[in-house]
């Protein structure tokens, strides 16, 4: 009976050791996964920080260019007005030429 009890205790001990070993391996795997995920989050944090820096620089460039863009818009508006004046002058010139020809014919 003592041998059977000892055998049972040994088997139970082996079972517990295997269970502890499996749990330890599982925890080690989880720790490795956690380390990988932590590293990826750190990389993503760096990327987001870089994106924020780039956006800040882009906003500053846009802010710096705003007066020039306004000047371009003003020039465009002035050019449109000038084109209308030129068209009007062309029309007046055309009419004057017609009248001048008519006067010469008379």
C-alpha atoms as a PDB file:
ATOM      1  CA  UNK A   1       0.000   0.000   0.000  1.00  0.00           C
ATOM      2  CA  UNK A   2       2.840   2.301   0.834  1.00  0.00           C
ATOM      3  CA  UNK A   3       4.333   1.756  -2.634  1.00  0.00           C
ATOM      4  CA  UNK A   4       1.049   2.573  -4.288  1.00  0.00           C
ATOM      5  CA  UNK A   5       0.704   5.719  -2.213  1.00  0.00           C
ATOM      6  CA  UNK A   6       4.266   6.738  -3.025  1.00  0.00           C
ATOM      7  CA  UNK A   7       3.619   6.039  -6.716  1.00  0.00           C
ATOM      8  CA  UNK A   8       0.420   8.106  -6.577  1.00  0.00           C
ATOM      9  CA  UNK A   9       2.245  10.974  -4.839  1.00  0.00           C
ATOM     10  CA  UNK A  10       5.047  10.800  -7.445  1.00  0.00           C
ATOM     11  CA  UNK A  11       2.575  10.903 -10.300  1.00  0.00           C
ATOM     12  CA  UNK A  12       0.707  13.781  -8.686  1.00  0.00           C
ATOM     13  CA  UNK A  13       4.016  15.583  -8.191  1.00  0.00           C
ATOM     14  CA  UNK A  14       4.918  15.059 -11.861  1.00  0.00           C
ATOM     15  CA  UNK A  15       1.491  16.308 -12.887  1.00  0.00           C
ATOM     16  CA  UNK A  16       1.925  19.441 -10.775  1.00  0.00           C
ATOM     17  CA  UNK A  17       5.417  20.006 -12.199  1.00  0.00           C
ATOM     18  CA  UNK A  18       4.094  19.708 -15.751  1.00  0.00           C
ATOM     19  CA  UNK A  19       1.256  22.058 -14.912  1.00  0.00           C
ATOM     20  CA  UNK A  20       3.669  24.587 -13.375  1.00  0.00           C
ATOM     21  CA  UNK A  21       5.990  24.223 -16.379  1.00  0.00           C
ATOM     22  CA  UNK A  22       3.089  24.787 -18.811  1.00  0.00           C
ATOM     23  CA  UNK A  23       1.918  27.798 -16.818  1.00  0.00           C
ATOM     24  CA  UNK A  24       5.467  29.188 -16.725  1.00  0.00           C
ATOM     25  CA  UNK A  25       5.876  28.752 -20.489  1.00  0.00           C
ATOM     26  CA  UNK A  26       2.502  30.379 -21.065  1.00  0.00           C
ATOM     27  CA  UNK A  27       3.496  33.334 -18.885  1.00  0.00           C
ATOM     28  CA  UNK A  28       6.831  33.651 -20.711  1.00  0.00           C
ATOM     29  CA  UNK A  29       4.984  33.681 -24.033  1.00  0.00           C
ATOM     30  CA  UNK A  30       2.603  36.345 -22.738  1.00  0.00           C
ATOM     31  CA  UNK A  31       5.566  38.387 -21.516  1.00  0.00           C
ATOM     32  CA  UNK A  32       7.223  38.180 -24.956  1.00  0.00           C
ATOM     33  CA  UNK A  33       3.966  39.204 -26.615  1.00  0.00           C
ATOM     34  CA  UNK A  34       3.622  42.094 -24.180  1.00  0.00           C
ATOM     35  CA  UNK A  35       7.180  43.238 -24.961  1.00  0.00           C
ATOM     36  CA  UNK A  36       6.505  43.114 -28.714  1.00  0.00           C
ATOM     37  CA  UNK A  37       3.269  45.061 -28.326  1.00  0.00           C
ATOM     38  CA  UNK A  38       5.012  47.607 -26.091  1.00  0.00           C
ATOM     39  CA  UNK A  39       7.705  48.082 -28.732  1.00  0.00           C
ATOM     40  CA  UNK A  40       5.092  48.535 -31.455  1.00  0.00           C
ATOM     41  CA  UNK A  41       3.240  51.112 -29.363  1.00  0.00           C
ATOM     42  CA  UNK A  42       6.513  52.961 -28.835  1.00  0.00           C
ATOM     43  CA  UNK A  43       7.105  52.963 -32.606  1.00  0.00           C
ATOM     44  CA  UNK A  44       3.556  54.197 -33.220  1.00  0.00           C
ATOM     45  CA  UNK A  45       4.022  56.912 -30.603  1.00  0.00           C
ATOM     46  CA  UNK A  46       7.159  58.052 -32.404  1.00  0.00           C
ATOM     47  CA  UNK A  47       5.346  58.050 -35.743  1.00  0.00           C
ATOM     48  CA  UNK A  48       2.421  60.040 -34.332  1.00  0.00           C
ATOM     49  CA  UNK A  49       4.836  62.528 -32.779  1.00  0.00           C
ATOM     50  CA  UNK A  50       6.584  62.947 -36.138  1.00  0.00           C
ATOM     51  CA  UNK A  51       3.241  63.442 -37.887  1.00  0.00           C
ATOM     52  CA  UNK A  52       2.275  66.098 -35.328  1.00  0.00           C
ATOM     53  CA  UNK A  53       5.589  67.881 -35.871  1.00  0.00           C
ATOM     54  CA  UNK A  54       5.105  67.786 -39.653  1.00  0.00           C
ATOM     55  CA  UNK A  55       1.561  69.134 -39.314  1.00  0.00           C
ATOM     56  CA  UNK A  56       2.784  71.964 -37.089  1.00  0.00           C
ATOM     57  CA  UNK A  57       5.452  72.862 -39.640  1.00  0.00           C
ATOM     58  CA  UNK A  58       2.914  72.713 -42.474  1.00  0.00           C
ATOM     59  CA  UNK A  59       0.548  75.018 -40.554  1.00  0.00           C
ATOM     60  CA  UNK A  60       3.396  77.459 -39.952  1.00  0.00           C
ATOM     61  CA  UNK A  61       4.362  77.401 -43.644  1.00  0.00           C
ATOM     62  CA  UNK A  62       0.740  78.047 -44.607  1.00  0.00           C
ATOM     63  CA  UNK A  63       0.560  80.886 -42.086  1.00  0.00           C
ATOM     64  CA  UNK A  64       3.771  82.358 -43.526  1.00  0.00           C
ATOM     65  CA  UNK A  65       2.442  82.054 -47.087  1.00  0.00           C
ATOM     66  CA  UNK A  66      -0.990  83.526 -46.340  1.00  0.00           C
ATOM     67  CA  UNK A  67       0.009  87.154 -47.099  1.00  0.00           C
ATOM     68  CA  UNK A  68       1.495  86.067 -50.439  1.00  0.00           C
ATOM     69  CA  UNK A  69      -1.596  84.052 -51.271  1.00  0.00           C
ATOM     70  CA  UNK A  70      -3.731  87.087 -50.523  1.00  0.00           C
ATOM     71  CA  UNK A  71      -1.529  89.191 -52.816  1.00  0.00           C
ATOM     72  CA  UNK A  72      -1.925  86.597 -55.560  1.00  0.00           C
ATOM     73  CA  UNK A  73      -5.707  86.687 -55.136  1.00  0.00           C
ATOM     74  CA  UNK A  74      -5.621  90.495 -55.321  1.00  0.00           C
ATOM     75  CA  UNK A  75      -3.454  90.390 -58.459  1.00  0.00           C
ATOM     76  CA  UNK A  76      -5.833  87.899 -60.036  1.00  0.00           C
ATOM     77  CA  UNK A  77      -8.773  90.151 -59.270  1.00  0.00           C
ATOM     78  CA  UNK A  78      -6.926  93.168 -60.719  1.00  0.00           C
ATOM     79  CA  UNK A  79      -6.006  91.185 -63.837  1.00  0.00           C
ATOM     80  CA  UNK A  80      -9.633  90.211 -64.347  1.00  0.00           C
ATOM     81  CA  UNK A  81     -10.651  93.869 -64.088  1.00  0.00           C
ATOM     82  CA  UNK A  82      -7.868  94.845 -66.493  1.00  0.00           C
ATOM     83  CA  UNK A  83      -9.013  92.196 -68.981  1.00  0.00           C
ATOM     84  CA  UNK A  84     -12.515  93.665 -68.878  1.00  0.00           C
ATOM     85  CA  UNK A  85     -11.115  97.151 -69.555  1.00  0.00           C
ATOM     86  CA  UNK A  86      -9.058  95.799 -72.464  1.00  0.00           C
ATOM     87  CA  UNK A  87     -12.128  94.116 -73.920  1.00  0.00           C
ATOM     88  CA  UNK A  88     -14.076  97.337 -73.580  1.00  0.00           C
ATOM     89  CA  UNK A  89     -11.269  99.302 -75.263  1.00  0.00           C
ATOM     90  CA  UNK A  90     -11.133  96.735 -78.069  1.00  0.00           C
ATOM     91  CA  UNK A  91     -14.844  97.148 -78.604  1.00  0.00           C
ATOM     92  CA  UNK A  92     -14.599 100.951 -78.597  1.00  0.00           C
ATOM     93  CA  UNK A  93     -11.615 100.822 -80.961  1.00  0.00           C
ATOM     94  CA  UNK A  94     -13.503  98.509 -83.325  1.00  0.00           C
ATOM     95  CA  UNK A  95     -16.478 100.891 -83.377  1.00  0.00           C
ATOM     96  CA  UNK A  96     -14.210 103.875 -83.972  1.00  0.00           C
ATOM     97  CA  UNK A  97     -12.549 102.101 -86.883  1.00  0.00           C
ATOM     98  CA  UNK A  98     -15.938 101.370 -88.389  1.00  0.00           C
ATOM     99  CA  UNK A  99     -17.024 105.008 -87.966  1.00  0.00           C
ATOM    100  CA  UNK A 100     -13.701 106.241 -89.420  1.00  0.00           C
ATOM    101  CA  UNK A 101     -14.207 104.069 -92.529  1.00  0.00           C
ATOM    102  CA  UNK A 102     -17.763 105.306 -92.886  1.00  0.00           C
ATOM    103  CA  UNK A 103     -16.577 108.927 -92.663  1.00  0.00           C
ATOM    104  CA  UNK A 104     -13.859 108.334 -95.280  1.00  0.00           C
ATOM    105  CA  UNK A 105     -16.421 106.844 -97.641  1.00  0.00           C
ATOM    106  CA  UNK A 106     -18.612 109.898 -97.450  1.00  0.00           C
END
